[in-house]
């Protein structure tokens, strides 16, 4: 399956040089090969992040490709300085650097260059995430906004609330929920990010949102996010996410919320509200608070689903 993602093309001069050198000796074709393989394996989100990194680096290089043998510490220091000059935050800089480092290490393994540790002087750490959880009173304000005259704002608000109601479900997992995932009063799904299977007790708050939107008969999907099954589904998901986040930002401004309102805030908010209800950390897993995602997964995997359902019901009754 060929990736539909468009890559920035390298210069004509670079292409002429590549005629006498293995393409794998250059950063761009080597990285494009890795990205293509990710799409073939169904790792679309990872492919997108690698593509974003490649495009960023090629903008820095003004579309001039580079041999791995020329990839050194000075180059990476210059790239980091370029990112800072364009207003990129340090977490994003670290993200790009870590992806480039992973690709560089693969090139070393394949014998296209020797290990020179070019990333030793640039930032590859992970800063502590700024807490974005909203208190319950703000969630109530969002829920009871009168938005019937503004269908797109209403839709964005409903998607935000659905995420909150389902213990901070990510938007991509919401998009790919199947009608068949809801049965016998429970919603069962696999997290796209981790492959972890989760069970959520179906509550009235969730059904109320479902009832607002006409069922798309020919679609296998539960929510009105991917509206045309089998037709550029990933594009539909990305477009919906951008639309919802734009509208949520506007809602946040209307309510004078101090942080930008996004779908991700719903996930933070469920964890924050659960903590305020004195629900044990082992139950909520301190969702956004762990320095290691592995720690979170260890907690979540060992939990009795009924305990989490009771915690969620306690939260939903408070709204």
Protein backbone atom coordinates (compact mmCIF):
# COMPACT_ATOMS: atom_id res chain seq x y z
CA UNK A 1 0.00 0.00 0.00
CA UNK A 2 1.63 3.25 -1.09
CA UNK A 3 1.53 6.15 1.31
CA UNK A 4 -0.65 9.03 0.17
CA UNK A 5 1.41 11.48 2.22
CA UNK A 6 3.25 14.04 0.12
CA UNK A 7 6.92 14.57 0.86
CA UNK A 8 8.96 17.66 0.10
CA UNK A 9 11.14 16.95 -2.92
CA UNK A 10 14.90 17.44 -2.88
CA UNK A 11 16.81 19.68 -5.26
CA UNK A 12 17.78 18.70 -8.80
CA UNK A 13 21.45 18.91 -7.86
CA UNK A 14 20.90 16.43 -5.03
CA UNK A 15 19.13 14.03 -7.39
CA UNK A 16 22.09 14.09 -9.80
CA UNK A 17 24.48 13.26 -6.98
CA UNK A 18 22.29 10.35 -5.90
CA UNK A 19 22.77 8.74 -9.29
CA UNK A 20 26.21 7.53 -8.25
CA UNK A 21 25.48 6.87 -4.56
CA UNK A 22 23.07 4.47 -2.90
CA UNK A 23 19.82 6.33 -2.05
CA UNK A 24 20.06 4.94 1.47
CA UNK A 25 23.21 7.00 1.99
CA UNK A 26 21.03 10.13 1.93
CA UNK A 27 18.66 11.19 4.70
CA UNK A 28 15.55 11.93 2.62
CA UNK A 29 15.10 8.70 0.62
CA UNK A 30 16.15 6.59 3.60
CA UNK A 31 13.57 8.27 5.82
CA UNK A 32 10.90 8.07 3.12
CA UNK A 33 11.50 4.33 2.91
CA UNK A 34 10.92 4.01 6.66
CA UNK A 35 7.75 6.12 6.45
CA UNK A 36 6.41 4.05 3.56
CA UNK A 37 6.95 0.87 5.57
CA UNK A 38 5.04 2.39 8.49
CA UNK A 39 2.02 3.02 6.30
CA UNK A 40 2.22 -0.49 4.89
CA UNK A 41 2.16 -1.84 8.45
CA UNK A 42 -0.86 0.33 9.30
CA UNK A 43 1.12 2.64 11.60
CA UNK A 44 -0.39 5.76 10.08
CA UNK A 45 -0.01 8.03 13.08
CA UNK A 46 3.69 7.19 13.40
CA UNK A 47 4.10 7.70 9.67
CA UNK A 48 2.54 11.14 9.98
CA UNK A 49 4.88 12.17 12.80
CA UNK A 50 7.94 10.99 10.86
CA UNK A 51 6.69 12.86 7.79
CA UNK A 52 6.23 16.03 9.84
CA UNK A 53 9.80 15.69 11.13
CA UNK A 54 11.22 15.09 7.65
CA UNK A 55 9.37 18.10 6.23
CA UNK A 56 10.59 20.29 9.09
CA UNK A 57 14.20 19.23 8.55
CA UNK A 58 13.97 19.72 4.78
CA UNK A 59 12.60 23.25 5.31
CA UNK A 60 15.66 23.93 7.46
CA UNK A 61 17.84 22.53 4.67
CA UNK A 62 15.93 24.54 2.02
CA UNK A 63 15.12 21.23 0.27
CA UNK A 64 18.79 20.25 -0.02
CA UNK A 65 19.28 16.61 0.94
CA UNK A 66 22.31 15.46 2.90
CA UNK A 67 24.50 12.38 3.11
CA UNK A 68 24.52 10.55 6.43
CA UNK A 69 28.30 10.96 6.42
CA UNK A 70 27.74 14.75 6.62
CA UNK A 71 25.26 14.43 9.49
CA UNK A 72 27.12 15.82 12.50
CA UNK A 73 26.71 17.67 15.79
CA UNK A 74 27.17 21.11 14.23
CA UNK A 75 24.33 20.42 11.80
CA UNK A 76 21.98 19.39 14.62
CA UNK A 77 22.91 22.45 16.70
CA UNK A 78 22.08 24.65 13.70
CA UNK A 79 18.78 22.82 13.17
CA UNK A 80 17.79 23.33 16.80
CA UNK A 81 18.68 27.03 16.57
CA UNK A 82 16.52 27.29 13.44
CA UNK A 83 13.55 25.68 15.21
CA UNK A 84 13.88 28.06 18.16
CA UNK A 85 14.02 31.04 15.81
CA UNK A 86 10.71 29.99 14.25
CA UNK A 87 8.98 29.77 17.63
CA UNK A 88 8.90 25.98 18.03
CA UNK A 89 8.60 24.96 21.69
CA UNK A 90 11.20 22.77 23.38
CA UNK A 91 9.00 19.67 23.63
CA UNK A 92 8.45 19.76 19.86
CA UNK A 93 12.16 20.33 19.27
CA UNK A 94 12.90 17.29 21.43
CA UNK A 95 10.27 15.31 19.51
CA UNK A 96 11.88 16.11 16.13
CA UNK A 97 15.38 15.41 17.45
CA UNK A 98 14.37 12.04 18.91
CA UNK A 99 12.77 10.94 15.64
CA UNK A 100 15.83 12.01 13.65
CA UNK A 101 18.04 10.17 16.14
CA UNK A 102 16.01 6.98 15.68
CA UNK A 103 16.36 7.25 11.90
CA UNK A 104 20.09 8.04 12.17
CA UNK A 105 20.61 4.97 14.35
CA UNK A 106 18.88 2.85 11.71
CA UNK A 107 21.23 4.25 9.07
CA UNK A 108 24.16 3.27 11.31
CA UNK A 109 22.75 -0.26 11.66
CA UNK A 110 22.38 -0.53 7.88
CA UNK A 111 26.01 0.51 7.38
CA UNK A 112 25.30 3.83 5.63
CA UNK A 113 27.37 5.76 8.18
CA UNK A 114 29.41 5.32 11.34
CA UNK A 115 28.13 6.23 14.80
CA UNK A 116 29.36 9.74 15.64
CA UNK A 117 26.72 10.63 18.28
CA UNK A 118 25.61 13.87 16.59
CA UNK A 119 22.70 14.40 19.03
CA UNK A 120 24.80 14.76 22.17
CA UNK A 121 24.57 18.59 22.23
CA UNK A 122 20.88 19.06 21.34
CA UNK A 123 17.75 18.70 23.44
CA UNK A 124 16.14 15.25 23.45
CA UNK A 125 14.54 15.35 26.89
CA UNK A 126 10.87 15.35 27.83
CA UNK A 127 9.62 18.38 29.71
CA UNK A 128 6.91 17.99 32.30
CA UNK A 129 3.51 18.34 30.66
CA UNK A 130 1.60 21.48 31.62
CA UNK A 131 -1.53 20.39 33.43
CA UNK A 132 -4.58 21.07 31.31
CA UNK A 133 -7.31 19.50 33.41
CA UNK A 134 -10.48 21.55 33.96
CA UNK A 135 -12.44 21.52 37.22
CA UNK A 136 -15.93 20.07 37.29
CA UNK A 137 -17.64 23.47 37.36
CA UNK A 138 -16.02 24.36 34.01
CA UNK A 139 -17.07 21.01 32.52
CA UNK A 140 -20.62 21.85 33.64
CA UNK A 141 -20.37 25.27 31.98
CA UNK A 142 -19.34 23.63 28.73
CA UNK A 143 -22.14 21.08 28.98
CA UNK A 144 -24.90 23.62 29.57
CA UNK A 145 -23.91 26.20 26.96
CA UNK A 146 -26.79 27.04 24.64
CA UNK A 147 -25.31 26.22 21.24
CA UNK A 148 -28.33 24.97 19.29
CA UNK A 149 -28.03 27.91 16.87
CA UNK A 150 -24.40 26.99 16.14
CA UNK A 151 -24.32 23.37 14.89
CA UNK A 152 -20.54 23.13 14.49
CA UNK A 153 -19.87 24.49 17.98
CA UNK A 154 -22.54 22.15 19.34
CA UNK A 155 -20.91 19.19 17.57
CA UNK A 156 -17.45 20.09 18.91
CA UNK A 157 -18.83 20.44 22.43
CA UNK A 158 -20.53 17.03 22.16
CA UNK A 159 -17.34 15.32 21.00
CA UNK A 160 -15.47 16.91 23.91
CA UNK A 161 -18.10 15.71 26.39
CA UNK A 162 -18.20 12.23 24.89
CA UNK A 163 -14.45 11.96 25.45
CA UNK A 164 -14.86 13.13 29.03
CA UNK A 165 -17.76 10.74 29.65
CA UNK A 166 -15.70 7.82 28.36
CA UNK A 167 -12.79 8.42 30.74
CA UNK A 168 -10.86 10.64 28.37
CA UNK A 169 -11.09 8.53 25.24
CA UNK A 170 -8.80 9.87 22.51
CA UNK A 171 -10.39 11.35 19.40
CA UNK A 172 -8.87 8.73 17.12
CA UNK A 173 -10.39 5.95 19.22
CA UNK A 174 -13.73 7.76 19.13
CA UNK A 175 -13.51 8.07 15.34
CA UNK A 176 -13.00 4.34 14.83
CA UNK A 177 -15.57 3.10 17.35
CA UNK A 178 -17.82 0.58 15.63
CA UNK A 179 -21.53 0.14 16.23
CA UNK A 180 -20.68 -3.45 17.05
CA UNK A 181 -18.41 -2.23 19.89
CA UNK A 182 -21.51 -1.25 21.87
CA UNK A 183 -23.44 -4.22 23.20
CA UNK A 184 -24.99 -5.45 26.44
CA UNK A 185 -24.61 -2.07 28.09
CA UNK A 186 -20.86 -1.84 27.54
CA UNK A 187 -18.50 -0.22 25.08
CA UNK A 188 -15.46 -2.33 24.19
CA UNK A 189 -12.59 -1.08 22.05
CA UNK A 190 -8.85 -1.36 21.39
CA UNK A 191 -6.75 1.75 21.95
CA UNK A 192 -5.08 2.71 18.69
CA UNK A 193 -2.00 3.95 20.52
CA UNK A 194 -1.28 0.90 22.66
CA UNK A 195 -3.50 -1.93 21.41
CA UNK A 196 -4.92 -2.18 24.93
CA UNK A 197 -8.52 -3.43 25.20
CA UNK A 198 -10.80 -1.27 27.34
CA UNK A 199 -14.35 -1.83 28.61
CA UNK A 200 -16.58 1.11 29.54
CA UNK A 201 -20.03 0.85 31.09
CA UNK A 202 -22.49 2.63 28.80
CA UNK A 203 -24.14 5.55 30.59
CA UNK A 204 -27.10 7.82 29.80
CA UNK A 205 -24.81 10.81 29.18
CA UNK A 206 -23.17 8.89 26.35
CA UNK A 207 -26.48 7.77 24.87
CA UNK A 208 -27.82 11.34 24.96
CA UNK A 209 -25.03 12.42 22.63
CA UNK A 210 -25.56 9.46 20.33
CA UNK A 211 -29.28 10.27 20.11
CA UNK A 212 -28.57 13.80 18.84
CA UNK A 213 -27.05 12.59 15.58
CA UNK A 214 -28.85 10.61 12.85
CA UNK A 215 -27.54 7.10 12.36
CA UNK A 216 -25.59 6.72 9.11
CA UNK A 217 -27.10 3.46 7.92
CA UNK A 218 -24.30 2.33 5.60
CA UNK A 219 -21.52 3.18 8.05
CA UNK A 220 -20.09 0.72 10.59
CA UNK A 221 -19.01 3.62 12.81
CA UNK A 222 -20.76 4.68 16.00
CA UNK A 223 -20.05 8.42 15.97
CA UNK A 224 -20.41 11.01 13.16
CA UNK A 225 -16.67 11.53 12.65
CA UNK A 226 -15.80 9.26 9.71
CA UNK A 227 -18.96 9.74 7.68
CA UNK A 228 -17.99 7.84 4.52
CA UNK A 229 -16.57 4.44 5.36
CA UNK A 230 -13.73 3.22 3.17
CA UNK A 231 -13.09 6.62 1.55
CA UNK A 232 -9.91 8.37 2.76
CA UNK A 233 -10.85 7.60 6.35
CA UNK A 234 -7.64 8.97 7.81
CA UNK A 235 -8.19 12.27 5.97
CA UNK A 236 -11.75 12.45 7.30
CA UNK A 237 -10.46 11.84 10.82
CA UNK A 238 -7.76 14.53 10.54
CA UNK A 239 -10.22 17.05 9.08
CA UNK A 240 -12.72 16.36 11.85
CA UNK A 241 -10.04 16.71 14.54
CA UNK A 242 -8.89 20.06 13.17
CA UNK A 243 -12.48 21.29 12.91
CA UNK A 244 -13.36 20.19 16.44
CA UNK A 245 -10.23 21.69 17.97
CA UNK A 246 -10.82 25.02 16.16
CA UNK A 247 -14.39 25.18 17.46
CA UNK A 248 -13.34 24.12 20.95
CA UNK A 249 -10.80 26.93 21.04
CA UNK A 250 -13.62 29.35 20.25
CA UNK A 251 -15.80 27.82 22.99
CA UNK A 252 -12.92 28.19 25.43
CA UNK A 253 -12.59 31.87 24.54
CA UNK A 254 -16.35 32.36 25.01
CA UNK A 255 -16.09 30.91 28.53
CA UNK A 256 -12.79 32.72 29.21
CA UNK A 257 -11.01 29.45 29.97
CA UNK A 258 -7.37 30.19 30.70
CA UNK A 259 -5.95 27.34 28.60
CA UNK A 260 -6.63 26.54 24.93
CA UNK A 261 -9.54 24.10 24.85
CA UNK A 262 -8.83 20.97 22.78
CA UNK A 263 -9.93 17.36 22.72
CA UNK A 264 -6.86 16.43 24.71
CA UNK A 265 -8.08 18.64 27.57
CA UNK A 266 -11.02 16.25 28.03
CA UNK A 267 -8.58 13.46 28.87
CA UNK A 268 -6.69 15.63 31.35
CA UNK A 269 -9.95 16.82 32.85
CA UNK A 270 -11.29 13.34 33.59
CA UNK A 271 -8.10 12.52 35.49
CA UNK A 272 -8.20 15.84 37.37
CA UNK A 273 -11.86 15.48 38.35
CA UNK A 274 -11.32 11.87 39.40
CA UNK A 275 -8.46 13.00 41.61
CA UNK A 276 -10.63 15.73 43.14
CA UNK A 277 -13.18 13.02 44.03
CA UNK A 278 -10.50 11.22 46.04
CA UNK A 279 -10.58 8.27 43.65
CA UNK A 280 -7.39 6.24 44.29
CA UNK A 281 -4.47 6.92 42.00
CA UNK A 282 -4.36 3.23 41.15
CA UNK A 283 -7.87 3.61 39.66
CA UNK A 284 -7.39 6.75 37.62
CA UNK A 285 -3.73 5.84 37.00
CA UNK A 286 -2.94 9.54 37.34
CA UNK A 287 -3.52 9.57 33.57
CA UNK A 288 -1.40 12.55 32.55
CA UNK A 289 0.80 12.69 35.61
CA UNK A 290 3.19 9.79 35.07
CA UNK A 291 6.64 10.50 33.72
CA UNK A 292 6.52 7.08 32.02
CA UNK A 293 3.60 5.82 29.96
CA UNK A 294 4.66 2.29 30.87
CA UNK A 295 3.80 3.01 34.49
CA UNK A 296 0.34 4.15 33.44
CA UNK A 297 -0.19 1.02 31.39
CA UNK A 298 0.85 -1.19 34.29
CA UNK A 299 -1.78 0.46 36.47
CA UNK A 300 -4.51 0.30 33.84
CA UNK A 301 -3.89 -3.30 32.90
CA UNK A 302 -4.20 -4.50 36.47
CA UNK A 303 -7.44 -2.70 37.28
CA UNK A 304 -10.79 -4.34 37.83
CA UNK A 305 -13.02 -2.78 35.17
CA UNK A 306 -15.96 -2.57 37.57
CA UNK A 307 -13.94 -0.31 39.88
CA UNK A 308 -13.21 2.10 37.05
CA UNK A 309 -16.87 2.04 35.95
CA UNK A 310 -17.98 2.94 39.48
CA UNK A 311 -15.47 5.79 39.53
CA UNK A 312 -16.72 7.06 36.18
CA UNK A 313 -20.36 6.85 37.31
CA UNK A 314 -19.48 8.91 40.38
CA UNK A 315 -17.97 11.58 38.17
CA UNK A 316 -20.84 11.64 35.67
CA UNK A 317 -23.43 11.98 38.44
CA UNK A 318 -21.65 15.15 39.55
CA UNK A 319 -22.22 16.96 36.27
